[in-house]
Each structure stands twice: as structure tokens, then as C-alpha cells.
């Protein structure tokens, strides 16, 4: 059995947690879908909860029908 040392990273369900980037901060951002301002938890969250709750978003469709 191996012992854990101070130099080994903490594991969470088999994954090494990644450090957040310095610029990844919660702030008010514009939704990429409706352009309304919302409180984002970081730069990876760019669509507001209202838009994410729509069936179009949940179904993964773009909301437009493409004709080729």
C-alpha cells in the first residue's frame, strides 16, 4: 500500500482538480443567446439560466431550421 505524501495532488473520484485561472471570476456578463445581463460564476458560463431552461437549449437544437 502506498502512503500519501504532501507532494501528491488531492484526487476527487479519480480526477485531479484543476486550478482556476486568475481571470475566472464571478461577475456580470451578457448572455450569448439573449444578450441580457446575468451573474456568471466564471468565464465558462456565458448563457443565462433563463436561456438554459428553454426546450431549445435542452434539446440541443439551434432554434433555427437550416435549409440546404
N, C-alpha and C. Protein backbone atom coordinates (compact mmCIF):
# COMPACT_ATOMS: atom_id res chain seq x y z
N UNK A 1 0.85 -1.18 0.00
CA UNK A 1 0.00 0.00 0.00
C UNK A 1 0.89 1.24 0.00
N UNK A 2 0.51 2.23 -0.85
CA UNK A 2 1.29 3.46 -0.93
C UNK A 2 0.73 4.48 0.04
N UNK A 3 1.64 5.24 0.61
CA UNK A 3 1.23 6.32 1.50
C UNK A 3 1.12 7.61 0.71
N UNK A 4 0.22 8.45 1.15
CA UNK A 4 0.05 9.77 0.54
C UNK A 4 1.08 10.71 1.15
N UNK A 5 1.73 11.47 0.30
CA UNK A 5 2.68 12.46 0.78
C UNK A 5 2.12 13.85 0.52
N UNK A 6 2.77 14.84 1.09
CA UNK A 6 2.34 16.23 0.90
C UNK A 6 2.50 16.68 -0.55
N UNK A 7 3.37 16.03 -1.31
CA UNK A 7 3.63 16.45 -2.69
C UNK A 7 2.66 15.84 -3.69
N UNK A 8 1.84 14.90 -3.29
CA UNK A 8 0.88 14.28 -4.19
C UNK A 8 -0.39 15.14 -4.26
N UNK A 9 -0.98 15.27 -5.45
CA UNK A 9 -2.22 16.06 -5.56
C UNK A 9 -3.39 15.33 -4.92
N UNK A 10 -4.36 16.10 -4.48
CA UNK A 10 -5.59 15.52 -3.95
C UNK A 10 -6.42 15.01 -5.12
N UNK A 11 -6.98 13.83 -4.98
CA UNK A 11 -7.82 13.26 -6.03
C UNK A 11 -9.26 13.33 -5.60
N UNK A 12 -10.14 13.53 -6.56
CA UNK A 12 -11.57 13.58 -6.31
C UNK A 12 -12.24 12.64 -7.29
N UNK A 13 -12.69 11.52 -6.83
CA UNK A 13 -13.31 10.50 -7.68
C UNK A 13 -12.44 10.16 -8.89
N UNK A 14 -11.14 10.02 -8.67
CA UNK A 14 -10.23 9.64 -9.74
C UNK A 14 -9.75 10.78 -10.60
N UNK A 15 -10.14 12.01 -10.30
CA UNK A 15 -9.73 13.16 -11.10
C UNK A 15 -8.89 14.11 -10.26
N UNK A 16 -7.89 14.67 -10.89
CA UNK A 16 -7.09 15.70 -10.24
C UNK A 16 -7.79 17.03 -10.43
N UNK A 17 -8.11 17.75 -9.37
CA UNK A 17 -8.77 19.05 -9.54
C UNK A 17 -7.84 20.05 -10.21
N UNK A 18 -8.40 20.84 -11.11
CA UNK A 18 -7.61 21.84 -11.81
C UNK A 18 -7.73 23.18 -11.10
N UNK A 19 -6.65 23.92 -11.10
CA UNK A 19 -6.66 25.25 -10.50
C UNK A 19 -7.45 26.19 -11.41
N UNK A 20 -8.19 27.10 -10.82
CA UNK A 20 -8.92 28.10 -11.61
C UNK A 20 -7.94 29.14 -12.12
N UNK A 21 -8.19 29.61 -13.33
CA UNK A 21 -7.38 30.68 -13.89
C UNK A 21 -7.63 31.96 -13.09
N UNK A 22 -6.67 32.81 -13.03
CA UNK A 22 -6.79 34.05 -12.26
C UNK A 22 -7.95 34.91 -12.73
N UNK A 23 -8.25 34.89 -14.03
CA UNK A 23 -9.32 35.72 -14.58
C UNK A 23 -10.69 35.05 -14.50
N UNK A 24 -10.74 33.79 -14.04
CA UNK A 24 -12.01 33.05 -13.97
C UNK A 24 -12.74 33.45 -12.69
N UNK A 25 -13.42 34.59 -12.74
CA UNK A 25 -14.09 35.12 -11.57
C UNK A 25 -15.57 35.33 -11.86
N UNK A 26 -16.34 35.30 -10.80
CA UNK A 26 -17.78 35.58 -10.94
C UNK A 26 -17.96 37.06 -11.22
N UNK A 27 -18.81 37.37 -12.21
CA UNK A 27 -19.12 38.77 -12.50
C UNK A 27 -20.34 38.83 -13.41
N UNK A 28 -20.82 40.02 -13.65
CA UNK A 28 -21.96 40.22 -14.54
C UNK A 28 -21.49 40.12 -15.98
N UNK A 29 -22.16 39.25 -16.75
CA UNK A 29 -21.82 39.07 -18.15
C UNK A 29 -23.10 39.15 -18.99
N UNK A 30 -22.95 39.31 -20.28
CA UNK A 30 -24.08 39.29 -21.22
C UNK A 30 -24.25 37.87 -21.73
N UNK A 31 -25.49 37.39 -21.74
CA UNK A 31 -25.81 36.07 -22.25
C UNK A 31 -25.53 36.04 -23.75
N UNK A 32 -24.88 34.98 -24.22
CA UNK A 32 -24.58 34.87 -25.65
C UNK A 32 -25.82 34.60 -26.49
N UNK A 33 -26.89 34.18 -25.85
CA UNK A 33 -28.11 33.85 -26.59
C UNK A 33 -29.08 35.03 -26.64
N UNK A 34 -29.38 35.63 -25.47
CA UNK A 34 -30.40 36.70 -25.43
C UNK A 34 -29.80 38.09 -25.18
N UNK A 35 -28.53 38.16 -24.87
CA UNK A 35 -27.80 39.41 -24.62
C UNK A 35 -28.17 40.09 -23.30
N UNK A 36 -29.04 39.49 -22.48
CA UNK A 36 -29.39 40.06 -21.18
C UNK A 36 -28.21 39.88 -20.21
N UNK A 37 -28.08 40.80 -19.28
CA UNK A 37 -27.04 40.70 -18.25
C UNK A 37 -27.44 39.66 -17.22
N UNK A 38 -26.46 38.87 -16.72
CA UNK A 38 -26.71 37.90 -15.66
C UNK A 38 -25.44 37.70 -14.85
N UNK A 39 -25.59 37.16 -13.65
CA UNK A 39 -24.44 36.91 -12.78
C UNK A 39 -23.83 35.56 -13.14
N UNK A 40 -22.65 35.59 -13.73
CA UNK A 40 -21.94 34.40 -14.17
C UNK A 40 -20.96 33.96 -13.08
N UNK A 41 -20.81 32.64 -12.91
CA UNK A 41 -19.88 32.13 -11.89
C UNK A 41 -18.45 32.10 -12.40
N UNK A 42 -18.24 32.30 -13.68
CA UNK A 42 -16.89 32.30 -14.25
C UNK A 42 -16.95 32.44 -15.75
N UNK A 43 -15.78 32.52 -16.41
CA UNK A 43 -15.80 32.79 -17.84
C UNK A 43 -16.32 31.62 -18.66
N UNK A 44 -16.48 30.46 -18.07
CA UNK A 44 -17.06 29.33 -18.78
C UNK A 44 -18.57 29.35 -18.83
N UNK A 45 -19.19 30.23 -18.06
CA UNK A 45 -20.65 30.34 -18.03
C UNK A 45 -21.05 31.59 -18.79
N UNK A 46 -21.53 31.40 -20.02
CA UNK A 46 -21.86 32.54 -20.87
C UNK A 46 -23.30 32.56 -21.32
N UNK A 47 -24.12 31.58 -20.89
CA UNK A 47 -25.54 31.54 -21.22
C UNK A 47 -26.32 31.59 -19.92
N UNK A 48 -27.30 32.47 -19.83
CA UNK A 48 -28.06 32.67 -18.59
C UNK A 48 -28.97 31.48 -18.28
N UNK A 49 -29.42 31.39 -17.05
CA UNK A 49 -30.30 30.30 -16.63
C UNK A 49 -31.62 30.29 -17.39
N UNK A 50 -32.15 31.47 -17.68
CA UNK A 50 -33.42 31.54 -18.41
C UNK A 50 -33.28 30.88 -19.78
N UNK A 51 -32.21 31.18 -20.49
CA UNK A 51 -31.99 30.57 -21.81
C UNK A 51 -31.69 29.08 -21.69
N UNK A 52 -30.95 28.68 -20.67
CA UNK A 52 -30.65 27.27 -20.48
C UNK A 52 -31.88 26.46 -20.11
N UNK A 53 -32.91 27.11 -19.60
CA UNK A 53 -34.12 26.39 -19.20
C UNK A 53 -35.09 26.18 -20.36
N UNK A 54 -34.81 26.75 -21.53
CA UNK A 54 -35.70 26.58 -22.67
C UNK A 54 -35.55 25.19 -23.27
N UNK A 55 -36.62 24.70 -23.89
CA UNK A 55 -36.56 23.38 -24.52
C UNK A 55 -35.58 23.37 -25.69
N UNK A 56 -35.43 24.49 -26.37
CA UNK A 56 -34.48 24.57 -27.47
C UNK A 56 -33.07 24.30 -26.97
N UNK A 57 -32.70 24.91 -25.86
CA UNK A 57 -31.37 24.70 -25.28
C UNK A 57 -31.21 23.27 -24.79
N UNK A 58 -32.21 22.77 -24.06
CA UNK A 58 -32.13 21.41 -23.51
C UNK A 58 -32.08 20.35 -24.59
N UNK A 59 -32.77 20.58 -25.70
CA UNK A 59 -32.78 19.60 -26.80
C UNK A 59 -31.53 19.68 -27.66
N UNK A 60 -30.77 20.74 -27.49
CA UNK A 60 -29.52 20.89 -28.24
C UNK A 60 -29.70 21.41 -29.65
N UNK A 61 -30.86 21.94 -29.96
CA UNK A 61 -31.05 22.49 -31.30
C UNK A 61 -30.70 23.97 -31.31
N UNK A 62 -30.43 24.47 -32.48
CA UNK A 62 -30.02 25.87 -32.61
C UNK A 62 -31.20 26.82 -32.57
N UNK A 63 -32.40 26.29 -32.73
CA UNK A 63 -33.58 27.16 -32.73
C UNK A 63 -33.93 27.66 -34.10
N UNK A 64 -33.10 27.36 -35.08
CA UNK A 64 -33.39 27.74 -36.46
C UNK A 64 -33.38 26.48 -37.32
N UNK A 65 -34.11 26.51 -38.39
CA UNK A 65 -34.09 25.37 -39.29
C UNK A 65 -33.21 25.69 -40.49
N UNK A 66 -32.20 24.89 -40.69
CA UNK A 66 -31.29 25.11 -41.80
C UNK A 66 -31.83 24.41 -43.04
N UNK A 67 -31.78 25.11 -44.16
CA UNK A 67 -32.22 24.53 -45.43
C UNK A 67 -31.01 24.48 -46.35
N UNK A 68 -30.75 23.31 -46.85
CA UNK A 68 -29.59 23.13 -47.74
C UNK A 68 -30.02 22.92 -49.16
